[in-house]
Amino acid sequence: MKIQITLNGALKELRVPPMKRMLDVLREDCGLLGAKEGCGEGECGACAVIMDDALVDTCLIPAIQMAGRRVDTVEGLAAPKGMGDFELDDLQKFFLEEGAVHCGFCTPGMIMAAVALLRRNPHPTEEEVHVSLAGNICRCTGYEKICNAVLRAAEAGYGDRLTPGRNLCTEMRPVFEGDEADKFFSPRSLKEALDVLSSQRDVLILSGGTDIGPDTKGGRIRPVRVMDVFSVPEMNGIEVVGEGTDAYIRIGACATNTDIVTCAATRKHLPALVIASSRSGALAMQNRATIGGNICTASGAGDLPVALLALGALCVAAGPDAERIVALDDFITGYRKNVLASDELLKEIRVPMPAPGSRQVFYKRGSRKALTLSRASLAFYVDVRNGKIAAFRASAGSMSPVPIRLKNLSAAMPGRALSESLPMEAARLAYGDVNPRKTPKYRKTMIANLTHRFFSEVCEGVKA
């Protein structure tokens, strides 16, 4: 496969296998050794670089998705002085002066995470620095000095001087060579993607790669054919469609967690989904993980389907002849199973516009506060009119092989008046609605306690 990329401000043409990891392309084909192999699953940030202004983990991105992209690595920061010597840029100097460089293994990824932060937010708070660097693990510890270096760079105006580079690529799509043309596909329209599915069998759908990367590395999947849909326009974007009772928020299946977190429409109308998206992995993962991938993976530990179930989401499956709308409850049929036929794609998700004044929340509990798989997750949607519950939905994750709706609780609440006894009654129903296989009493009690908390706040009129 032949691709063009803009690498550290220079046009570069490469011939690489389509599924070769970006990490290996940079190290083996480009001679750039700053990005390191750490976990190989997007959890440590040692391989982080910036692609099209977004921080990404190169261990999760195959070469097919590098085509036409602008890539900046740590090597592009220092200016050459001649005779193999370099002049470090200010951020690198601050890392040295603050003692933020230890063994050096994580430092390139840490620096690129800091650059990505200061590009979009030249003057971050200390908390914002912590959040932005959370996905970059320093095994030597010393995070305080790293944070000090970034804050010092911000104070010195480093971020104010950063400007996006220019993409020099003239060929934006990969050029497949030989038998690659029968095994790899990079469509740029929904029709083109559906044509591939209609004419080919055993096609693995690639979007953000946050699941496929670890699965292929671990040998759990061995794809015969691969189609990259990450750049299909019809599968991207977020917008409000329609007016009044017919209005809904359309979310393209390839919209990323970052898209959801930063979009004005989701922040205004779907705060529960925003919270779920912001708590699913670190920033580099959120920049790649897609809502469609989270749904189609159909794992009980998935966060976004839990929020979407409570919001009454619908899935739009696009096929060669027509589209069909399937409620999310029916779309997921089992662990890693869904209703899509072999010639269909999940095109978009439609979330009915929440009623004015309604409330929605998403809770997640894991082994630590952030960057953790959920041991229990819970989402609620409630619309209260004149002291009575007009509409109600509740869902939970990590309670079974797939995310579930709390059916008995959801059925019992509509029409109920708010009262002092309601939180306890709701908690009892929620306790009976879940039957987790592992640590059942602990998880059932957690679900009941969170349900009690939510209804207590609703009944007291306290903002959750």
Protein backbone atom coordinates (compact mmCIF):
# COMPACT_ATOMS: atom_id res chain seq x y z
CA MET A 1 0.00 0.00 0.00
CA LYS A 2 1.23 3.46 -0.90
CA ILE A 3 0.29 6.42 1.30
CA GLN A 4 1.25 10.06 1.69
CA ILE A 5 1.53 11.74 5.07
CA THR A 6 2.75 15.12 6.26
CA LEU A 7 5.33 14.12 8.86
CA ASN A 8 6.74 16.88 11.08
CA GLY A 9 6.03 19.45 8.38
CA ALA A 10 7.46 17.51 5.43
CA LEU A 11 5.68 15.44 2.78
CA LYS A 12 6.55 11.76 3.00
CA GLU A 13 5.50 8.86 0.80
CA LEU A 14 5.52 5.37 2.24
CA ARG A 15 4.91 1.82 1.08
CA VAL A 16 3.68 -0.19 4.04
CA PRO A 17 1.23 -3.01 4.78
CA PRO A 18 -2.29 -1.63 5.42
CA MET A 19 -2.61 -3.08 8.92
CA LYS A 20 0.91 -2.29 10.10
CA ARG A 21 0.61 -0.24 13.26
CA MET A 22 1.39 3.45 13.04
CA LEU A 23 3.83 2.94 15.91
CA ASP A 24 5.84 0.46 13.84
CA VAL A 25 5.63 2.62 10.71
CA LEU A 26 7.13 5.57 12.58
CA ARG A 27 9.89 3.52 14.18
CA GLU A 28 10.78 1.10 11.37
CA ASP A 29 9.93 2.96 8.18
CA CYS A 30 10.55 6.55 9.28
CA GLY A 31 13.38 6.03 11.77
CA LEU A 32 11.57 8.01 14.48
CA LEU A 33 12.15 6.25 17.79
CA GLY A 34 10.53 8.71 20.20
CA ALA A 35 7.20 6.83 20.34
CA LYS A 36 7.66 3.71 22.45
CA GLU A 37 5.86 0.39 22.75
CA GLY A 38 4.41 0.27 26.23
CA CYS A 39 1.14 -1.56 26.73
CA GLY A 40 0.23 -1.90 23.06
CA GLU A 41 -3.43 -1.34 23.97
CA GLY A 42 -3.73 2.45 24.26
CA GLU A 43 -3.52 2.56 28.05
CA CYS A 44 -0.09 4.01 28.81
CA GLY A 45 0.50 6.84 26.31
CA ALA A 46 4.16 5.97 25.67
CA CYS A 47 3.49 5.88 21.93
CA ALA A 48 1.41 9.08 21.76
CA VAL A 49 1.79 11.55 18.88
CA ILE A 50 -0.44 14.25 17.41
CA MET A 51 -2.41 13.46 14.25
CA ASP A 52 -4.42 16.28 12.70
CA ASP A 53 -4.18 18.24 15.98
CA ALA A 54 -5.54 15.37 18.08
CA LEU A 55 -3.50 13.31 20.53
CA VAL A 56 -3.56 9.63 19.51
CA ASP A 57 -1.98 6.37 20.61
CA THR A 58 -0.06 5.01 17.63
CA CYS A 59 -0.31 1.42 18.84
CA LEU A 60 -4.03 1.46 17.93
CA ILE A 61 -3.92 3.06 14.48
CA PRO A 62 -3.18 0.94 11.39
CA ALA A 63 -1.33 2.43 8.46
CA ILE A 64 -4.48 2.45 6.32
CA GLN A 65 -5.76 5.26 8.55
CA MET A 66 -2.58 7.33 8.21
CA ALA A 67 -3.18 8.19 4.56
CA GLY A 68 -3.46 11.93 3.95
CA ARG A 69 -2.94 12.78 7.61
CA ARG A 70 -0.67 15.31 9.26
CA VAL A 71 1.47 13.67 11.94
CA ASP A 72 3.64 15.46 14.48
CA THR A 73 6.07 13.52 16.68
CA VAL A 74 8.43 14.58 19.45
CA GLU A 75 11.28 14.66 16.93
CA GLY A 76 9.58 17.55 15.14
CA LEU A 77 9.82 19.88 18.14
CA ALA A 78 13.59 20.26 18.32
CA ALA A 79 15.30 22.39 15.65
CA PRO A 80 18.36 20.91 13.90
CA LYS A 81 21.62 22.78 14.53
CA GLY A 82 23.80 20.72 12.18
CA MET A 83 26.24 17.85 12.70
CA GLY A 84 23.48 15.77 14.30
CA ASP A 85 22.86 18.32 17.05
CA PHE A 86 19.50 19.86 17.96
CA GLU A 87 18.14 22.89 19.77
CA LEU A 88 15.39 21.78 22.13
CA ASP A 89 12.18 23.78 22.06
CA ASP A 90 10.98 25.61 25.19
CA LEU A 91 8.65 22.87 26.42
CA GLN A 92 11.43 20.30 26.26
CA LYS A 93 13.73 22.67 28.13
CA PHE A 94 11.13 23.18 30.85
CA PHE A 95 10.83 19.42 31.27
CA LEU A 96 14.58 19.25 31.84
CA GLU A 97 14.77 22.26 34.12
CA GLU A 98 11.86 21.09 36.29
CA GLY A 99 13.29 17.60 36.67
CA ALA A 100 10.33 16.11 34.79
CA VAL A 101 12.49 13.67 32.81
CA HIS A 102 13.26 10.44 34.64
CA CYS A 103 14.11 7.23 32.76
CA GLY A 104 12.86 8.93 29.58
CA PHE A 105 10.67 6.07 28.34
CA CYS A 106 7.39 7.92 28.76
CA THR A 107 8.75 11.42 28.16
CA PRO A 108 8.11 11.74 24.37
CA GLY A 109 4.45 10.74 24.76
CA MET A 110 4.10 12.96 27.81
CA ILE A 111 5.52 15.93 25.91
CA MET A 112 3.23 15.35 22.92
CA ALA A 113 0.23 15.17 25.28
CA ALA A 114 1.33 18.52 26.72
CA VAL A 115 1.69 20.02 23.23
CA ALA A 116 -1.80 18.83 22.28
CA LEU A 117 -3.19 20.42 25.45
CA LEU A 118 -1.44 23.75 24.98
CA ARG A 119 -2.51 23.94 21.34
CA ARG A 120 -6.17 23.82 22.24
CA ASN A 121 -5.89 25.50 25.66
CA PRO A 122 -2.80 27.76 25.94
CA HIS A 123 -3.46 28.60 29.60
CA PRO A 124 -4.82 25.50 31.37
CA THR A 125 -5.47 25.14 35.07
CA GLU A 126 -3.57 22.59 37.10
CA GLU A 127 -6.62 20.32 37.08
CA GLU A 128 -6.86 20.56 33.28
CA VAL A 129 -3.21 19.56 33.02
CA HIS A 130 -3.88 16.55 35.24
CA VAL A 131 -6.82 15.45 33.09
CA SER A 132 -4.93 15.89 29.82
CA LEU A 133 -1.92 13.88 31.02
CA ALA A 134 -3.96 11.18 32.77
CA GLY A 135 -3.49 8.71 29.92
CA ASN A 136 0.31 9.01 30.01
CA ILE A 137 1.75 6.70 32.64
CA CYS A 138 5.10 7.59 34.24
CA ARG A 139 6.46 4.45 35.85
CA CYS A 140 9.09 6.47 37.73
CA THR A 141 6.35 8.64 39.30
CA GLY A 142 7.17 12.34 39.60
CA TYR A 143 3.93 13.69 38.16
CA GLU A 144 4.17 16.92 40.15
CA LYS A 145 7.33 17.94 38.30
CA ILE A 146 5.76 17.04 34.97
CA CYS A 147 2.73 19.17 35.77
CA ASN A 148 5.00 22.03 36.86
CA ALA A 149 6.85 21.89 33.54
CA VAL A 150 3.60 22.15 31.57
CA LEU A 151 2.29 25.00 33.73
CA ARG A 152 5.58 26.83 33.37
CA ALA A 153 5.38 26.48 29.58
CA ALA A 154 1.84 27.86 29.66
CA GLU A 155 2.91 30.81 31.78
CA ALA A 156 5.71 31.53 29.31
CA GLY A 157 3.21 31.71 26.45
CA TYR A 158 4.28 28.48 24.77
CA GLY A 159 0.74 27.58 23.73
CA ASP A 160 0.07 31.06 22.34
CA ARG A 161 2.91 30.56 19.86
CA LEU A 162 1.73 27.17 18.61
CA THR A 163 0.07 27.17 15.22
CA PRO A 164 -1.37 24.21 13.28
CA GLY A 165 0.87 22.99 10.51
CA ARG A 166 -0.12 22.73 6.86
CA ASN A 167 -1.12 19.43 5.32
CA LEU A 168 1.03 18.90 2.23
CA CYS A 169 -0.60 15.68 1.03
CA THR A 170 -2.05 15.58 -2.48
CA GLU A 171 -3.21 11.95 -2.22
CA MET A 172 -5.66 11.64 0.69
CA ARG A 173 -6.54 7.98 0.22
CA PRO A 174 -4.35 4.89 0.38
CA VAL A 175 -3.38 3.32 -2.93
CA PHE A 176 -3.68 -0.44 -2.60
CA GLU A 177 -1.29 -2.52 -4.65
CA GLY A 178 -1.45 -6.11 -5.87
CA ASP A 179 -3.84 -8.38 -3.99
CA GLU A 180 -4.38 -5.67 -1.34
CA ALA A 181 -7.13 -4.22 -3.54
CA ASP A 182 -9.26 -7.32 -2.85
CA LYS A 183 -8.67 -7.29 0.90
CA PHE A 184 -8.61 -3.64 2.02
CA PHE A 185 -11.07 -0.83 1.42
CA SER A 186 -11.11 2.86 2.30
CA PRO A 187 -14.48 4.25 1.14
CA ARG A 188 -15.27 7.93 1.22
CA SER A 189 -19.06 7.64 0.99
CA LEU A 190 -21.75 5.47 2.52
CA LYS A 191 -22.74 4.13 -0.89
CA GLU A 192 -19.18 3.09 -1.58
CA ALA A 193 -18.99 1.33 1.77
CA LEU A 194 -22.28 -0.51 1.22
CA ASP A 195 -21.14 -1.57 -2.26
CA VAL A 196 -18.12 -3.21 -0.66
CA LEU A 197 -20.30 -5.11 1.81
CA SER A 198 -22.61 -6.23 -1.00
CA SER A 199 -19.75 -7.64 -3.06
CA GLN A 200 -17.41 -8.99 -0.38
CA ARG A 201 -17.66 -11.47 2.48
CA ASP A 202 -16.02 -11.53 5.91
CA VAL A 203 -15.32 -7.78 6.00
CA LEU A 204 -14.09 -6.41 9.33
CA ILE A 205 -15.39 -2.88 9.93
CA LEU A 206 -12.67 -0.54 11.22
CA SER A 207 -13.54 2.81 12.77
CA GLY A 208 -11.61 4.18 15.76
CA GLY A 209 -9.62 0.98 16.29
CA THR A 210 -9.70 1.08 20.09
CA ASP A 211 -11.15 -2.44 20.21
CA ILE A 212 -9.70 -3.89 17.02
CA GLY A 213 -6.15 -2.79 17.89
CA PRO A 214 -5.89 -4.87 21.08
CA ASP A 215 -7.86 -7.75 19.52
CA THR A 216 -5.55 -8.07 16.50
CA LYS A 217 -2.45 -7.65 18.65
CA GLY A 218 -3.58 -10.40 20.97
CA GLY A 219 -4.54 -12.68 18.10
CA ARG A 220 -8.20 -12.78 19.11
CA ILE A 221 -9.21 -11.75 15.61
CA ARG A 222 -7.47 -12.41 12.30
CA PRO A 223 -9.25 -10.30 9.69
CA VAL A 224 -9.59 -11.58 6.14
CA ARG A 225 -10.76 -8.25 4.73
CA VAL A 226 -10.81 -4.82 6.36
CA MET A 227 -12.84 -1.71 5.52
CA ASP A 228 -12.00 1.61 7.17
CA VAL A 229 -15.18 3.67 7.60
CA PHE A 230 -13.77 6.29 9.98
CA SER A 231 -13.88 9.02 7.32
CA VAL A 232 -17.25 8.22 5.73
CA PRO A 233 -19.10 11.60 5.88
CA GLU A 234 -22.58 10.14 6.36
CA MET A 235 -21.34 8.27 9.44
CA ASN A 236 -19.90 11.36 11.09
CA GLY A 237 -21.24 14.57 12.62
CA ILE A 238 -23.71 15.50 15.35
CA GLU A 239 -26.75 17.70 14.79
CA VAL A 240 -30.26 18.51 15.96
CA VAL A 241 -32.86 17.37 13.43
CA GLY A 242 -36.49 18.49 13.29
CA GLU A 243 -38.55 20.60 15.66
CA GLY A 244 -40.95 20.14 18.53
CA THR A 245 -41.95 16.63 19.55
CA ASP A 246 -40.39 15.19 16.39
CA ALA A 247 -36.93 16.63 17.09
CA TYR A 248 -33.98 14.34 17.78
CA ILE A 249 -30.21 14.53 18.07
CA ARG A 250 -28.50 12.69 15.24
CA ILE A 251 -25.08 11.25 16.12
CA GLY A 252 -23.03 9.66 13.34
CA ALA A 253 -21.81 6.18 14.19
CA CYS A 254 -18.19 7.30 13.73
CA ALA A 255 -18.55 10.32 16.01
CA THR A 256 -15.91 10.01 18.70
CA ASN A 257 -16.21 10.42 22.43
CA THR A 258 -14.40 13.74 22.04
CA ASP A 259 -16.96 14.84 19.44
CA ILE A 260 -19.74 14.09 21.93
CA VAL A 261 -17.98 15.82 24.83
CA THR A 262 -17.27 19.00 22.86
CA CYS A 263 -20.46 19.30 20.78
CA ALA A 264 -22.80 22.10 21.87
CA ALA A 265 -25.93 20.06 21.06
CA THR A 266 -24.96 17.06 23.20
CA ARG A 267 -23.70 19.24 26.04
CA LYS A 268 -27.03 21.07 26.10
CA HIS A 269 -29.45 18.18 25.57
CA LEU A 270 -27.61 14.94 26.48
CA PRO A 271 -25.48 15.60 29.58
CA ALA A 272 -25.67 11.95 30.68
CA LEU A 273 -24.11 10.85 27.39
CA VAL A 274 -21.45 13.57 27.71
CA ILE A 275 -20.51 12.33 31.18
CA ALA A 276 -20.35 8.73 29.95
CA SER A 277 -18.15 9.77 27.02
CA SER A 278 -15.81 11.84 29.19
CA ARG A 279 -15.27 8.94 31.59
CA SER A 280 -14.48 6.31 28.94
CA GLY A 281 -10.70 6.22 28.72
CA ALA A 282 -8.12 8.97 28.55
CA LEU A 283 -8.06 11.78 26.00
CA ALA A 284 -6.09 9.92 23.32
CA MET A 285 -8.62 7.09 23.51
CA GLN A 286 -11.57 9.48 23.47
CA ASN A 287 -10.16 11.06 20.32
CA ARG A 288 -10.53 7.72 18.53
CA ALA A 289 -13.25 5.68 20.25
CA THR A 290 -16.57 5.92 18.38
CA ILE A 291 -20.13 5.68 19.60
CA GLY A 292 -20.95 3.14 16.89
CA GLY A 293 -18.03 0.96 17.87
CA ASN A 294 -19.07 1.04 21.52
CA ILE A 295 -22.57 -0.07 20.55
CA CYS A 296 -21.59 -2.74 18.03
CA THR A 297 -19.00 -4.25 20.36
CA ALA A 298 -21.99 -4.98 22.61
CA SER A 299 -20.12 -5.48 25.85
CA GLY A 300 -21.77 -5.30 29.24
CA ALA A 301 -18.98 -2.98 30.38
CA GLY A 302 -19.62 -0.44 27.60
CA ASP A 303 -20.49 2.98 29.00
CA LEU A 304 -22.22 4.76 26.12
CA PRO A 305 -24.95 2.15 25.50
CA VAL A 306 -25.99 2.45 29.15
CA ALA A 307 -26.59 6.18 28.80
CA LEU A 308 -28.25 5.72 25.41
CA LEU A 309 -30.66 3.08 26.70
CA ALA A 310 -31.90 5.49 29.36
CA LEU A 311 -32.28 8.18 26.71
CA GLY A 312 -34.42 5.95 24.47
CA ALA A 313 -31.92 5.87 21.59
CA LEU A 314 -32.65 4.42 18.17
CA CYS A 315 -30.11 2.88 15.78
CA VAL A 316 -30.24 3.44 12.02
CA ALA A 317 -28.94 0.47 10.04
CA ALA A 318 -28.10 1.24 6.42
CA GLY A 319 -28.31 -1.53 3.84
CA PRO A 320 -27.94 -1.75 0.06
CA ASP A 321 -31.62 -1.00 -0.59
CA ALA A 322 -32.94 0.86 2.43
CA GLU A 323 -32.43 1.99 6.00
CA ARG A 324 -34.18 0.53 9.03
CA ILE A 325 -34.60 1.96 12.50
CA VAL A 326 -34.07 -0.35 15.45
CA ALA A 327 -34.45 0.51 19.13
CA LEU A 328 -31.15 0.12 20.94
CA ASP A 329 -32.84 -2.42 23.26
CA ASP A 330 -33.33 -4.66 20.22
CA PHE A 331 -30.12 -3.77 18.35
CA ILE A 332 -27.84 -5.54 20.83
CA THR A 333 -28.75 -9.24 20.80
CA GLY A 334 -25.95 -10.71 22.94
CA TYR A 335 -22.34 -10.33 23.98
CA ARG A 336 -20.53 -8.92 20.92
CA LYS A 337 -23.63 -9.59 18.83
CA ASN A 338 -26.09 -7.25 17.09
CA VAL A 339 -28.85 -7.31 14.50
CA LEU A 340 -26.77 -6.02 11.58
CA ALA A 341 -26.82 -8.20 8.48
CA SER A 342 -23.55 -8.84 6.66
CA ASP A 343 -24.40 -6.13 4.11
CA GLU A 344 -25.46 -3.49 6.66
CA LEU A 345 -23.68 -0.74 8.58
CA LEU A 346 -24.69 1.18 11.68
CA LYS A 347 -25.04 4.59 10.08
CA GLU A 348 -26.18 6.79 12.98
CA ILE A 349 -27.85 6.95 16.37
CA ARG A 350 -30.96 9.05 16.95
CA VAL A 351 -31.77 10.25 20.45
CA PRO A 352 -35.25 11.74 20.96
CA MET A 353 -35.09 15.30 22.22
CA PRO A 354 -35.43 15.17 26.02
CA ALA A 355 -38.50 16.93 27.40
CA PRO A 356 -37.91 20.45 28.76
CA GLY A 357 -37.14 20.27 32.47
CA SER A 358 -36.42 16.53 32.41
CA ARG A 359 -33.44 15.10 34.29
CA GLN A 360 -30.80 12.61 33.25
CA VAL A 361 -27.71 11.27 34.99
CA PHE A 362 -24.95 8.71 34.45
CA TYR A 363 -23.13 7.03 37.32
CA LYS A 364 -20.01 4.90 36.99
CA ARG A 365 -18.16 3.00 39.67
CA GLY A 366 -14.88 1.16 39.17
CA SER A 367 -11.69 0.15 40.90
CA ARG A 368 -10.49 3.77 40.84
CA LYS A 369 -11.93 7.20 40.16
CA ALA A 370 -10.89 7.58 36.52
CA LEU A 371 -9.67 5.57 33.52
CA THR A 372 -11.28 2.37 34.69
CA LEU A 373 -13.66 -0.27 33.41
CA SER A 374 -16.95 -0.03 35.22
CA ARG A 375 -17.84 -2.48 37.94
CA ALA A 376 -21.25 -0.91 37.83
CA SER A 377 -22.78 1.83 35.70
CA LEU A 378 -26.25 3.27 35.84
CA ALA A 379 -28.22 5.84 33.86
CA PHE A 380 -31.58 7.48 34.53
CA TYR A 381 -33.99 9.66 32.59
CA VAL A 382 -37.05 11.13 34.28
CA ASP A 383 -39.66 13.69 33.30
CA VAL A 384 -41.74 14.98 36.23
CA ARG A 385 -44.99 16.85 35.63
CA ASN A 386 -47.11 18.31 38.44
CA GLY A 387 -45.40 16.19 41.05
CA LYS A 388 -45.84 12.92 39.13
CA ILE A 389 -43.46 10.93 36.96
CA ALA A 390 -44.62 11.32 33.35
CA ALA A 391 -41.80 9.33 31.76
CA PHE A 392 -38.97 7.25 33.17
CA ARG A 393 -36.20 4.98 31.91
CA ALA A 394 -33.29 3.33 33.74
CA SER A 395 -30.43 1.15 32.51
CA ALA A 396 -27.34 -0.52 33.91
CA GLY A 397 -23.97 -1.85 32.76
CA SER A 398 -21.58 -4.53 34.02
CA MET A 399 -24.54 -6.41 35.46
CA SER A 400 -24.81 -8.94 32.61
CA PRO A 401 -23.05 -9.76 29.31
CA VAL A 402 -24.72 -6.73 27.70
CA PRO A 403 -26.07 -3.39 28.94
CA ILE A 404 -29.63 -3.80 30.18
CA ARG A 405 -32.73 -1.75 30.89
CA LEU A 406 -34.03 -2.01 34.43
CA LYS A 407 -37.40 -3.30 33.30
CA ASN A 408 -39.34 -3.62 36.53
CA LEU A 409 -38.17 -0.25 37.80
CA SER A 410 -38.84 1.42 34.44
CA ALA A 411 -42.33 -0.07 34.26
CA ALA A 412 -43.30 0.83 37.81
CA MET A 413 -42.34 4.49 37.91
CA PRO A 414 -44.53 6.26 35.29
CA GLY A 415 -47.56 7.77 36.99
CA ARG A 416 -46.05 7.60 40.48
CA ALA A 417 -46.20 10.69 42.66
CA LEU A 418 -43.00 11.94 44.25
CA SER A 419 -42.94 10.98 47.92
CA GLU A 420 -40.65 10.25 50.84
CA SER A 421 -41.09 6.52 50.37
CA LEU A 422 -40.36 6.51 46.61
CA PRO A 423 -36.52 6.37 46.82
CA MET A 424 -36.62 3.23 48.99
CA GLU A 425 -39.21 1.57 46.76
CA ALA A 426 -37.20 2.38 43.64
CA ALA A 427 -34.02 1.04 45.25
CA ARG A 428 -35.77 -2.23 46.08
CA LEU A 429 -36.95 -2.65 42.49
CA ALA A 430 -33.50 -1.85 41.10
CA TYR A 431 -31.92 -4.40 43.45
CA GLY A 432 -34.17 -7.08 42.01
CA ASP A 433 -33.68 -5.99 38.39
CA VAL A 434 -30.01 -6.97 38.22
CA ASN A 435 -28.36 -10.35 38.68
CA PRO A 436 -24.60 -9.96 38.20
CA ARG A 437 -22.50 -13.13 38.06
CA LYS A 438 -19.49 -11.72 39.93
CA THR A 439 -19.74 -10.18 43.43
CA PRO A 440 -23.55 -10.14 43.11
CA LYS A 441 -24.45 -8.77 46.53
CA TYR A 442 -21.92 -5.93 46.27
CA ARG A 443 -23.04 -4.88 42.80
CA LYS A 444 -26.75 -5.22 43.49
CA THR A 445 -26.34 -3.10 46.62
CA MET A 446 -24.39 -0.49 44.64
CA ILE A 447 -27.15 -0.28 42.04
CA ALA A 448 -29.78 0.04 44.78
CA ASN A 449 -27.83 2.75 46.60
CA LEU A 450 -27.32 4.80 43.43
CA THR A 451 -31.00 4.44 42.59
CA HIS A 452 -31.92 5.64 46.06
CA ARG A 453 -29.58 8.61 45.64
CA PHE A 454 -31.10 9.60 42.31
CA PHE A 455 -34.70 9.43 43.50
CA SER A 456 -33.86 11.24 46.71
CA GLU A 457 -32.48 14.12 44.68
CA VAL A 458 -35.50 14.09 42.35
CA CYS A 459 -37.94 14.10 45.25
CA GLU A 460 -36.05 16.86 47.04
CA GLY A 461 -35.72 18.94 43.87
CA VAL A 462 -31.95 18.95 44.23
CA LYS A 463 -29.94 19.13 41.05
CA ALA A 464 -28.08 15.84 40.51
